[in-house]
Amino acid sequence: MKGDTAIQAEMEFENRLGALLAEYGFSLRDVINLLDPKANVRQQSPVGQEKTTRKPRELKTYKNPHNGEVVETKGGNHATLKAWKAEHGAEAVESWRQ
């Protein structure tokens, strides 16, 4: 690794830069701030702007034609809906959607 001229040149540059910074009393952070003043400024969301949220789920209504029972749900994790799907099959239950 020490035989690689590119690495040697980079290490020499780093050593000279460190010596120069020490000579003038600057730190590496000072140099970064001189070259790019906005480098250490964190971007914050504007005040009053709410976080973006995903679209609310659509309300789905299912009516069991065998007993007339109605289920309203926004997700597929409804206990009664799961029981119907286990008993009658998922395709049949989806056909009951209104």
PDB file of N, CA and C in Angstrom:
ATOM      1  N   MET A   1       0.832  -1.186   0.000  1.00  0.00           N
ATOM      2  CA  MET A   1       0.000   0.000   0.000  1.00  0.00           C
ATOM      3  C   MET A   1       0.877   1.251   0.000  1.00  0.00           C
ATOM      4  N   LYS A   2       1.979   1.183   0.704  1.00  0.00           N
ATOM      5  CA  LYS A   2       2.865   2.353   0.748  1.00  0.00           C
ATOM      6  C   LYS A   2       3.565   2.578  -0.579  1.00  0.00           C
ATOM      7  N   GLY A   3       3.589   1.550  -1.442  1.00  0.00           N
ATOM      8  CA  GLY A   3       4.226   1.670  -2.737  1.00  0.00           C
ATOM      9  C   GLY A   3       3.357   2.395  -3.752  1.00  0.00           C
ATOM     10  N   ASP A   4       2.058   2.552  -3.474  1.00  0.00           N
ATOM     11  CA  ASP A   4       1.139   3.203  -4.405  1.00  0.00           C
ATOM     12  C   ASP A   4       1.391   4.709  -4.380  1.00  0.00           C
ATOM     13  N   THR A   5       1.726   5.273  -5.538  1.00  0.00           N
ATOM     14  CA  THR A   5       2.064   6.703  -5.591  1.00  0.00           C
ATOM     15  C   THR A   5       0.860   7.594  -5.317  1.00  0.00           C
ATOM     16  N   ALA A   6      -0.325   7.170  -5.700  1.00  0.00           N
ATOM     17  CA  ALA A   6      -1.523   7.986  -5.464  1.00  0.00           C
ATOM     18  C   ALA A   6      -1.793   8.112  -3.971  1.00  0.00           C
ATOM     19  N   ILE A   7      -1.623   7.010  -3.246  1.00  0.00           N
ATOM     20  CA  ILE A   7      -1.850   7.048  -1.793  1.00  0.00           C
ATOM     21  C   ILE A   7      -0.772   7.874  -1.120  1.00  0.00           C
ATOM     22  N   GLN A   8       0.454   7.739  -1.589  1.00  0.00           N
ATOM     23  CA  GLN A   8       1.547   8.527  -1.016  1.00  0.00           C
ATOM     24  C   GLN A   8       1.314  10.017  -1.233  1.00  0.00           C
ATOM     25  N   ALA A   9       0.857  10.386  -2.423  1.00  0.00           N
ATOM     26  CA  ALA A   9       0.589  11.791  -2.726  1.00  0.00           C
ATOM     27  C   ALA A   9      -0.539  12.317  -1.852  1.00  0.00           C
ATOM     28  N   GLU A  10      -1.564  11.499  -1.664  1.00  0.00           N
ATOM     29  CA  GLU A  10      -2.691  11.920  -0.821  1.00  0.00           C
ATOM     30  C   GLU A  10      -2.258  12.096   0.633  1.00  0.00           C
ATOM     31  N   MET A  11      -1.441  11.174   1.114  1.00  0.00           N
ATOM     32  CA  MET A  11      -0.958  11.272   2.496  1.00  0.00           C
ATOM     33  C   MET A  11      -0.064  12.497   2.670  1.00  0.00           C
ATOM     34  N   GLU A  12       0.768  12.798   1.669  1.00  0.00           N
ATOM     35  CA  GLU A  12       1.628  13.981   1.737  1.00  0.00           C
ATOM     36  C   GLU A  12       0.786  15.251   1.752  1.00  0.00           C
ATOM     37  N   PHE A  13      -0.240  15.287   0.902  1.00  0.00           N
ATOM     38  CA  PHE A  13      -1.140  16.439   0.877  1.00  0.00           C
ATOM     39  C   PHE A  13      -1.812  16.637   2.233  1.00  0.00           C
ATOM     40  N   GLU A  14      -2.299  15.548   2.817  1.00  0.00           N
ATOM     41  CA  GLU A  14      -2.966  15.626   4.119  1.00  0.00           C
ATOM     42  C   GLU A  14      -2.002  16.129   5.191  1.00  0.00           C
ATOM     43  N   ASN A  15      -0.766  15.654   5.178  1.00  0.00           N
ATOM     44  CA  ASN A  15       0.227  16.095   6.160  1.00  0.00           C
ATOM     45  C   ASN A  15       0.553  17.577   5.996  1.00  0.00           C
ATOM     46  N   ARG A  16       0.756  18.015   4.762  1.00  0.00           N
ATOM     47  CA  ARG A  16       1.058  19.431   4.508  1.00  0.00           C
ATOM     48  C   ARG A  16      -0.123  20.320   4.882  1.00  0.00           C
ATOM     49  N   LEU A  17      -1.339  19.865   4.568  1.00  0.00           N
ATOM     50  CA  LEU A  17      -2.544  20.633   4.909  1.00  0.00           C
ATOM     51  C   LEU A  17      -2.662  20.765   6.423  1.00  0.00           C
ATOM     52  N   GLY A  18      -2.439  19.664   7.132  1.00  0.00           N
ATOM     53  CA  GLY A  18      -2.495  19.713   8.593  1.00  0.00           C
ATOM     54  C   GLY A  18      -1.481  20.668   9.170  1.00  0.00           C
ATOM     55  N   ALA A  19      -0.266  20.678   8.629  1.00  0.00           N
ATOM     56  CA  ALA A  19       0.783  21.590   9.109  1.00  0.00           C
ATOM     57  C   ALA A  19       0.408  23.035   8.815  1.00  0.00           C
ATOM     58  N   LEU A  20      -0.138  23.291   7.632  1.00  0.00           N
ATOM     59  CA  LEU A  20      -0.544  24.643   7.259  1.00  0.00           C
ATOM     60  C   LEU A  20      -1.680  25.147   8.152  1.00  0.00           C
ATOM     61  N   LEU A  21      -2.646  24.282   8.419  1.00  0.00           N
ATOM     62  CA  LEU A  21      -3.757  24.661   9.298  1.00  0.00           C
ATOM     63  C   LEU A  21      -3.248  24.978  10.700  1.00  0.00           C
ATOM     64  N   ALA A  22      -2.334  24.167  11.196  1.00  0.00           N
ATOM     65  CA  ALA A  22      -1.770  24.397  12.530  1.00  0.00           C
ATOM     66  C   ALA A  22      -0.980  25.707  12.560  1.00  0.00           C
ATOM     67  N   GLU A  23      -0.261  25.998  11.484  1.00  0.00           N
ATOM     68  CA  GLU A  23       0.548  27.221  11.423  1.00  0.00           C
ATOM     69  C   GLU A  23      -0.316  28.468  11.533  1.00  0.00           C
ATOM     70  N   TYR A  24      -1.500  28.453  10.925  1.00  0.00           N
ATOM     71  CA  TYR A  24      -2.379  29.622  10.931  1.00  0.00           C
ATOM     72  C   TYR A  24      -3.496  29.538  11.970  1.00  0.00           C
ATOM     73  N   GLY A  25      -3.520  28.458  12.727  1.00  0.00           N
ATOM     74  CA  GLY A  25      -4.511  28.346  13.791  1.00  0.00           C
ATOM     75  C   GLY A  25      -5.925  28.045  13.312  1.00  0.00           C
ATOM     76  N   PHE A  26      -6.049  27.360  12.203  1.00  0.00           N
ATOM     77  CA  PHE A  26      -7.362  26.989  11.679  1.00  0.00           C
ATOM     78  C   PHE A  26      -7.591  25.498  11.862  1.00  0.00           C
ATOM     79  N   SER A  27      -8.864  25.124  11.853  1.00  0.00           N
ATOM     80  CA  SER A  27      -9.209  23.706  11.895  1.00  0.00           C
ATOM     81  C   SER A  27      -9.760  23.312  10.528  1.00  0.00           C
ATOM     82  N   LEU A  28      -9.922  22.043  10.332  1.00  0.00           N
ATOM     83  CA  LEU A  28     -10.488  21.556   9.075  1.00  0.00           C
ATOM     84  C   LEU A  28     -11.921  22.062   8.902  1.00  0.00           C
ATOM     85  N   ARG A  29     -12.644  22.178  10.002  1.00  0.00           N
ATOM     86  CA  ARG A  29     -14.019  22.695   9.950  1.00  0.00           C
ATOM     87  C   ARG A  29     -14.029  24.148   9.460  1.00  0.00           C
ATOM     88  N   ASP A  30     -13.033  24.940   9.863  1.00  0.00           N
ATOM     89  CA  ASP A  30     -12.946  26.327   9.387  1.00  0.00           C
ATOM     90  C   ASP A  30     -12.778  26.369   7.871  1.00  0.00           C
ATOM     91  N   VAL A  31     -11.944  25.488   7.347  1.00  0.00           N
ATOM     92  CA  VAL A  31     -11.717  25.445   5.896  1.00  0.00           C
ATOM     93  C   VAL A  31     -12.995  25.036   5.182  1.00  0.00           C
ATOM     94  N   ILE A  32     -13.697  24.051   5.722  1.00  0.00           N
ATOM     95  CA  ILE A  32     -14.958  23.610   5.108  1.00  0.00           C
ATOM     96  C   ILE A  32     -15.968  24.746   5.108  1.00  0.00           C
ATOM     97  N   ASN A  33     -16.046  25.491   6.197  1.00  0.00           N
ATOM     98  CA  ASN A  33     -16.979  26.620   6.271  1.00  0.00           C
ATOM     99  C   ASN A  33     -16.604  27.730   5.299  1.00  0.00           C
ATOM    100  N   LEU A  34     -15.295  27.905   5.057  1.00  0.00           N
ATOM    101  CA  LEU A  34     -14.873  28.908   4.079  1.00  0.00           C
ATOM    102  C   LEU A  34     -15.250  28.488   2.662  1.00  0.00           C
ATOM    103  N   LEU A  35     -15.054  27.212   2.359  1.00  0.00           N
ATOM    104  CA  LEU A  35     -15.325  26.725   1.009  1.00  0.00           C
ATOM    105  C   LEU A  35     -16.811  26.546   0.741  1.00  0.00           C
ATOM    106  N   ASP A  36     -17.561  26.094   1.751  1.00  0.00           N
ATOM    107  CA  ASP A  36     -19.000  25.854   1.594  1.00  0.00           C
ATOM    108  C   ASP A  36     -19.711  26.253   2.877  1.00  0.00           C
ATOM    109  N   PRO A  37     -20.132  27.516   2.998  1.00  0.00           N
ATOM    110  CA  PRO A  37     -20.752  27.991   4.244  1.00  0.00           C
ATOM    111  C   PRO A  37     -22.022  27.244   4.628  1.00  0.00           C
ATOM    112  N   LYS A  38     -22.698  26.653   3.656  1.00  0.00           N
ATOM    113  CA  LYS A  38     -23.959  25.965   3.958  1.00  0.00           C
ATOM    114  C   LYS A  38     -23.759  24.485   4.258  1.00  0.00           C
ATOM    115  N   ALA A  39     -22.507  24.037   4.334  1.00  0.00           N
ATOM    116  CA  ALA A  39     -22.223  22.618   4.519  1.00  0.00           C
ATOM    117  C   ALA A  39     -22.723  22.091   5.856  1.00  0.00           C
ATOM    118  N   ASN A  40     -22.629  22.874   6.905  1.00  0.00           N
ATOM    119  CA  ASN A  40     -23.022  22.371   8.222  1.00  0.00           C
ATOM    120  C   ASN A  40     -24.399  22.853   8.653  1.00  0.00           C
ATOM    121  N   VAL A  41     -25.126  23.528   7.767  1.00  0.00           N
ATOM    122  CA  VAL A  41     -26.479  23.975   8.088  1.00  0.00           C
ATOM    123  C   VAL A  41     -27.438  22.853   7.745  1.00  0.00           C
ATOM    124  N   ARG A  42     -28.155  22.393   8.722  1.00  0.00           N
ATOM    125  CA  ARG A  42     -29.129  21.325   8.484  1.00  0.00           C
ATOM    126  C   ARG A  42     -30.416  21.935   7.968  1.00  0.00           C
ATOM    127  N   GLN A  43     -30.977  21.283   6.972  1.00  0.00           N
ATOM    128  CA  GLN A  43     -32.249  21.763   6.446  1.00  0.00           C
ATOM    129  C   GLN A  43     -33.369  21.270   7.338  1.00  0.00           C
ATOM    130  N   GLN A  44     -34.211  22.206   7.739  1.00  0.00           N
ATOM    131  CA  GLN A  44     -35.338  21.864   8.583  1.00  0.00           C
ATOM    132  C   GLN A  44     -36.608  22.136   7.802  1.00  0.00           C
ATOM    133  N   SER A  45     -37.631  21.385   8.142  1.00  0.00           N
ATOM    134  CA  SER A  45     -38.895  21.602   7.455  1.00  0.00           C
ATOM    135  C   SER A  45     -39.460  22.944   7.892  1.00  0.00           C
ATOM    136  N   PRO A  46     -40.119  23.640   6.987  1.00  0.00           N
ATOM    137  CA  PRO A  46     -40.703  24.930   7.333  1.00  0.00           C
ATOM    138  C   PRO A  46     -41.704  24.794   8.476  1.00  0.00           C
ATOM    139  N   VAL A  47     -41.740  25.816   9.312  1.00  0.00           N
ATOM    140  CA  VAL A  47     -42.641  25.809  10.461  1.00  0.00           C
ATOM    141  C   VAL A  47     -44.081  25.830   9.972  1.00  0.00           C
ATOM    142  N   GLY A  48     -44.902  24.999  10.586  1.00  0.00           N
ATOM    143  CA  GLY A  48     -46.317  24.961  10.240  1.00  0.00           C
ATOM    144  C   GLY A  48     -46.646  23.954   9.156  1.00  0.00           C
ATOM    145  N   GLN A  49     -45.637  23.422   8.491  1.00  0.00           N
ATOM    146  CA  GLN A  49     -45.899  22.435   7.450  1.00  0.00           C
ATOM    147  C   GLN A  49     -45.979  21.061   8.101  1.00  0.00           C
ATOM    148  N   GLU A  50     -47.088  20.377   7.865  1.00  0.00           N
ATOM    149  CA  GLU A  50     -47.284  19.070   8.460  1.00  0.00           C
ATOM    150  C   GLU A  50     -46.557  18.006   7.653  1.00  0.00           C
ATOM    151  N   LYS A  51     -46.282  16.902   8.293  1.00  0.00           N
ATOM    152  CA  LYS A  51     -45.667  15.786   7.592  1.00  0.00           C
ATOM    153  C   LYS A  51     -46.662  15.247   6.574  1.00  0.00           C
ATOM    154  N   THR A  52     -46.133  14.772   5.471  1.00  0.00           N
ATOM    155  CA  THR A  52     -47.015  14.180   4.480  1.00  0.00           C
ATOM    156  C   THR A  52     -47.400  12.781   4.951  1.00  0.00           C
ATOM    157  N   THR A  53     -48.654  12.483   4.801  1.00  0.00           N
ATOM    158  CA  THR A  53     -49.160  11.174   5.207  1.00  0.00           C
ATOM    159  C   THR A  53     -49.750  10.486   3.991  1.00  0.00           C
ATOM    160  N   ARG A  54     -49.871   9.197   4.104  1.00  0.00           N
ATOM    161  CA  ARG A  54     -50.436   8.486   2.970  1.00  0.00           C
ATOM    162  C   ARG A  54     -51.946   8.666   2.927  1.00  0.00           C
ATOM    163  N   LYS A  55     -52.507   8.372   1.781  1.00  0.00           N
ATOM    164  CA  LYS A  55     -53.940   8.529   1.557  1.00  0.00           C
ATOM    165  C   LYS A  55     -54.706   7.588   2.488  1.00  0.00           C
ATOM    166  N   PRO A  56     -55.776   8.075   3.116  1.00  0.00           N
ATOM    167  CA  PRO A  56     -56.571   7.202   3.986  1.00  0.00           C
ATOM    168  C   PRO A  56     -57.161   6.037   3.201  1.00  0.00           C
ATOM    169  N   ARG A  57     -57.288   4.923   3.868  1.00  0.00           N
ATOM    170  CA  ARG A  57     -57.832   3.735   3.201  1.00  0.00           C
ATOM    171  C   ARG A  57     -59.316   3.901   2.915  1.00  0.00           C
ATOM    172  N   GLU A  58     -59.739   3.282   1.850  1.00  0.00           N
ATOM    173  CA  GLU A  58     -61.135   3.339   1.414  1.00  0.00           C
ATOM    174  C   GLU A  58     -61.984   2.405   2.288  1.00  0.00           C
ATOM    175  N   LEU A  59     -63.156   2.870   2.664  1.00  0.00           N
ATOM    176  CA  LEU A  59     -64.081   2.054   3.449  1.00  0.00           C
ATOM    177  C   LEU A  59     -64.748   1.041   2.521  1.00  0.00           C
ATOM    178  N   LYS A  60     -64.650  -0.228   2.879  1.00  0.00           N
ATOM    179  CA  LYS A  60     -65.253  -1.300   2.082  1.00  0.00           C
ATOM    180  C   LYS A  60     -66.415  -1.888   2.863  1.00  0.00           C
ATOM    181  N   THR A  61     -67.502  -2.125   2.158  1.00  0.00           N
ATOM    182  CA  THR A  61     -68.696  -2.690   2.775  1.00  0.00           C
ATOM    183  C   THR A  61     -69.007  -4.035   2.121  1.00  0.00           C
ATOM    184  N   TYR A  62     -69.216  -5.047   2.963  1.00  0.00           N
ATOM    185  CA  TYR A  62     -69.545  -6.391   2.499  1.00  0.00           C
ATOM    186  C   TYR A  62     -70.873  -6.789   3.119  1.00  0.00           C
ATOM    187  N   LYS A  63     -71.750  -7.422   2.317  1.00  0.00           N
ATOM    188  CA  LYS A  63     -73.028  -7.901   2.843  1.00  0.00           C
ATOM    189  C   LYS A  63     -73.134  -9.394   2.546  1.00  0.00           C
ATOM    190  N   ASN A  64     -73.256 -10.174   3.608  1.00  0.00           N
ATOM    191  CA  ASN A  64     -73.363 -11.623   3.498  1.00  0.00           C
ATOM    192  C   ASN A  64     -74.781 -11.965   3.007  1.00  0.00           C
ATOM    193  N   PRO A  65     -74.914 -12.574   1.828  1.00  0.00           N
ATOM    194  CA  PRO A  65     -76.244 -12.877   1.299  1.00  0.00           C
ATOM    195  C   PRO A  65     -76.930 -14.021   2.041  1.00  0.00           C
ATOM    196  N   HIS A  66     -76.182 -14.796   2.821  1.00  0.00           N
ATOM    197  CA  HIS A  66     -76.761 -15.928   3.542  1.00  0.00           C
ATOM    198  C   HIS A  66     -77.502 -15.507   4.801  1.00  0.00           C
ATOM    199  N   ASN A  67     -76.994 -14.475   5.487  1.00  0.00           N
ATOM    200  CA  ASN A  67     -77.655 -14.057   6.730  1.00  0.00           C
ATOM    201  C   ASN A  67     -77.936 -12.556   6.776  1.00  0.00           C
ATOM    202  N   GLY A  68     -77.565 -11.799   5.746  1.00  0.00           N
ATOM    203  CA  GLY A  68     -77.848 -10.367   5.691  1.00  0.00           C
ATOM    204  C   GLY A  68     -76.915  -9.512   6.537  1.00  0.00           C
ATOM    205  N   GLU A  69     -75.924 -10.103   7.170  1.00  0.00           N
ATOM    206  CA  GLU A  69     -74.994  -9.358   8.028  1.00  0.00           C
ATOM    207  C   GLU A  69     -74.110  -8.453   7.160  1.00  0.00           C
ATOM    208  N   VAL A  70     -73.867  -7.218   7.655  1.00  0.00           N
ATOM    209  CA  VAL A  70     -73.059  -6.236   6.935  1.00  0.00           C
ATOM    210  C   VAL A  70     -71.793  -5.954   7.737  1.00  0.00           C
ATOM    211  N   VAL A  71     -70.669  -5.910   7.030  1.00  0.00           N
ATOM    212  CA  VAL A  71     -69.377  -5.586   7.649  1.00  0.00           C
ATOM    213  C   VAL A  71     -68.785  -4.413   6.895  1.00  0.00           C
ATOM    214  N   GLU A  72     -68.351  -3.388   7.648  1.00  0.00           N
ATOM    215  CA  GLU A  72     -67.645  -2.248   7.065  1.00  0.00           C
ATOM    216  C   GLU A  72     -66.220  -2.272   7.609  1.00  0.00           C
ATOM    217  N   THR A  73     -65.242  -2.189   6.715  1.00  0.00           N
ATOM    218  CA  THR A  73     -63.847  -2.240   7.136  1.00  0.00           C
ATOM    219  C   THR A  73     -62.984  -1.412   6.206  1.00  0.00           C
ATOM    220  N   LYS A  74     -61.853  -0.937   6.735  1.00  0.00           N
ATOM    221  CA  LYS A  74     -60.885  -0.209   5.917  1.00  0.00           C
ATOM    222  C   LYS A  74     -59.684  -1.086   5.599  1.00  0.00           C
ATOM    223  N   GLY A  75     -59.612  -2.253   6.203  1.00  0.00           N
ATOM    224  CA  GLY A  75     -58.493  -3.156   5.958  1.00  0.00           C
ATOM    225  C   GLY A  75     -58.995  -4.578   5.836  1.00  0.00           C
ATOM    226  N   GLY A  76     -58.101  -5.492   5.536  1.00  0.00           N
ATOM    227  CA  GLY A  76     -58.502  -6.877   5.344  1.00  0.00           C
ATOM    228  C   GLY A  76     -58.315  -7.719   6.579  1.00  0.00           C
ATOM    229  N   ASN A  77     -58.099  -7.119   7.735  1.00  0.00           N
ATOM    230  CA  ASN A  77     -57.803  -7.863   8.947  1.00  0.00           C
ATOM    231  C   ASN A  77     -59.017  -7.921   9.880  1.00  0.00           C
ATOM    232  N   HIS A  78     -60.191  -7.861   9.323  1.00  0.00           N
ATOM    233  CA  HIS A  78     -61.429  -7.871  10.107  1.00  0.00           C
ATOM    234  C   HIS A  78     -61.783  -9.318  10.456  1.00  0.00           C
ATOM    235  N   ALA A  79     -62.077  -9.601  11.714  1.00  0.00           N
ATOM    236  CA  ALA A  79     -62.309 -10.976  12.184  1.00  0.00           C
ATOM    237  C   ALA A  79     -63.486 -11.637  11.466  1.00  0.00           C
ATOM    238  N   THR A  80     -64.600 -10.938  11.352  1.00  0.00           N
ATOM    239  CA  THR A  80     -65.777 -11.516  10.692  1.00  0.00           C
ATOM    240  C   THR A  80     -65.495 -11.772   9.219  1.00  0.00           C
ATOM    241  N   LEU A  81     -64.805 -10.829   8.576  1.00  0.00           N
ATOM    242  CA  LEU A  81     -64.461 -10.979   7.165  1.00  0.00           C
ATOM    243  C   LEU A  81     -63.546 -12.186   6.957  1.00  0.00           C
ATOM    244  N   LYS A  82     -62.606 -12.384   7.863  1.00  0.00           N
ATOM    245  CA  LYS A  82     -61.715 -13.550   7.787  1.00  0.00           C
ATOM    246  C   LYS A  82     -62.503 -14.856   7.950  1.00  0.00           C
ATOM    247  N   ALA A  83     -63.452 -14.843   8.863  1.00  0.00           N
ATOM    248  CA  ALA A  83     -64.264 -16.046   9.085  1.00  0.00           C
ATOM    249  C   ALA A  83     -65.086 -16.366   7.843  1.00  0.00           C
ATOM    250  N   TRP A  84     -65.662 -15.348   7.225  1.00  0.00           N
ATOM    251  CA  TRP A  84     -66.432 -15.557   6.001  1.00  0.00           C
ATOM    252  C   TRP A  84     -65.543 -16.126   4.890  1.00  0.00           C
ATOM    253  N   LYS A  85     -64.327 -15.578   4.763  1.00  0.00           N
ATOM    254  CA  LYS A  85     -63.415 -16.047   3.717  1.00  0.00           C
ATOM    255  C   LYS A  85     -63.000 -17.490   3.965  1.00  0.00           C
ATOM    256  N   ALA A  86     -62.843 -17.863   5.231  1.00  0.00           N
ATOM    257  CA  ALA A  86     -62.478 -19.240   5.561  1.00  0.00           C
ATOM    258  C   ALA A  86     -63.635 -20.186   5.238  1.00  0.00           C
ATOM    259  N   GLU A  87     -64.854 -19.729   5.475  1.00  0.00           N
ATOM    260  CA  GLU A  87     -66.030 -20.574   5.273  1.00  0.00           C
ATOM    261  C   GLU A  87     -66.462 -20.636   3.803  1.00  0.00           C
ATOM    262  N   HIS A  88     -66.478 -19.477   3.121  1.00  0.00           N
ATOM    263  CA  HIS A  88     -67.049 -19.404   1.775  1.00  0.00           C
ATOM    264  C   HIS A  88     -66.005 -19.206   0.667  1.00  0.00           C
ATOM    265  N   GLY A  89     -64.786 -18.872   1.027  1.00  0.00           N
ATOM    266  CA  GLY A  89     -63.738 -18.616   0.035  1.00  0.00           C
ATOM    267  C   GLY A  89     -63.584 -17.125  -0.230  1.00  0.00           C
ATOM    268  N   ALA A  90     -62.360 -16.716  -0.505  1.00  0.00           N
ATOM    269  CA  ALA A  90     -62.055 -15.293  -0.675  1.00  0.00           C
ATOM    270  C   ALA A  90     -62.761 -14.686  -1.882  1.00  0.00           C
ATOM    271  N   GLU A  91     -62.825 -15.428  -2.991  1.00  0.00           N
ATOM    272  CA  GLU A  91     -63.476 -14.892  -4.188  1.00  0.00           C
ATOM    273  C   GLU A  91     -64.959 -14.642  -3.971  1.00  0.00           C
ATOM    274  N   ALA A  92     -65.611 -15.569  -3.280  1.00  0.00           N
ATOM    275  CA  ALA A  92     -67.045 -15.430  -3.004  1.00  0.00           C
ATOM    276  C   ALA A  92     -67.296 -14.204  -2.128  1.00  0.00           C
ATOM    277  N   VAL A  93     -66.471 -14.050  -1.084  1.00  0.00           N
ATOM    278  CA  VAL A  93     -66.650 -12.932  -0.166  1.00  0.00           C
ATOM    279  C   VAL A  93     -66.393 -11.605  -0.883  1.00  0.00           C
ATOM    280  N   GLU A  94     -65.369 -11.562  -1.752  1.00  0.00           N
ATOM    281  CA  GLU A  94     -65.103 -10.323  -2.495  1.00  0.00           C
ATOM    282  C   GLU A  94     -66.277  -9.976  -3.421  1.00  0.00           C
ATOM    283  N   SER A  95     -66.998 -10.966  -3.875  1.00  0.00           N
ATOM    284  CA  SER A  95     -68.156 -10.694  -4.738  1.00  0.00           C
ATOM    285  C   SER A  95     -69.293 -10.057  -3.944  1.00  0.00           C
ATOM    286  N   TRP A  96     -69.253 -10.166  -2.629  1.00  0.00           N
ATOM    287  CA  TRP A  96     -70.277  -9.574  -1.763  1.00  0.00           C
ATOM    288  C   TRP A  96     -70.019  -8.091  -1.508  1.00  0.00           C
ATOM    289  N   ARG A  97     -68.901  -7.593  -1.991  1.00  0.00           N
ATOM    290  CA  ARG A  97     -68.558  -6.191  -1.739  1.00  0.00           C
ATOM    291  C   ARG A  97     -69.526  -5.277  -2.458  1.00  0.00           C
ATOM    292  N   GLN A  98     -69.953  -4.268  -1.762  1.00  0.00           N
ATOM    293  CA  GLN A  98     -70.926  -3.330  -2.334  1.00  0.00           C
ATOM    294  C   GLN A  98     -70.283  -2.024  -2.688  1.00  0.00           C
TER     295      GLN A  98
END
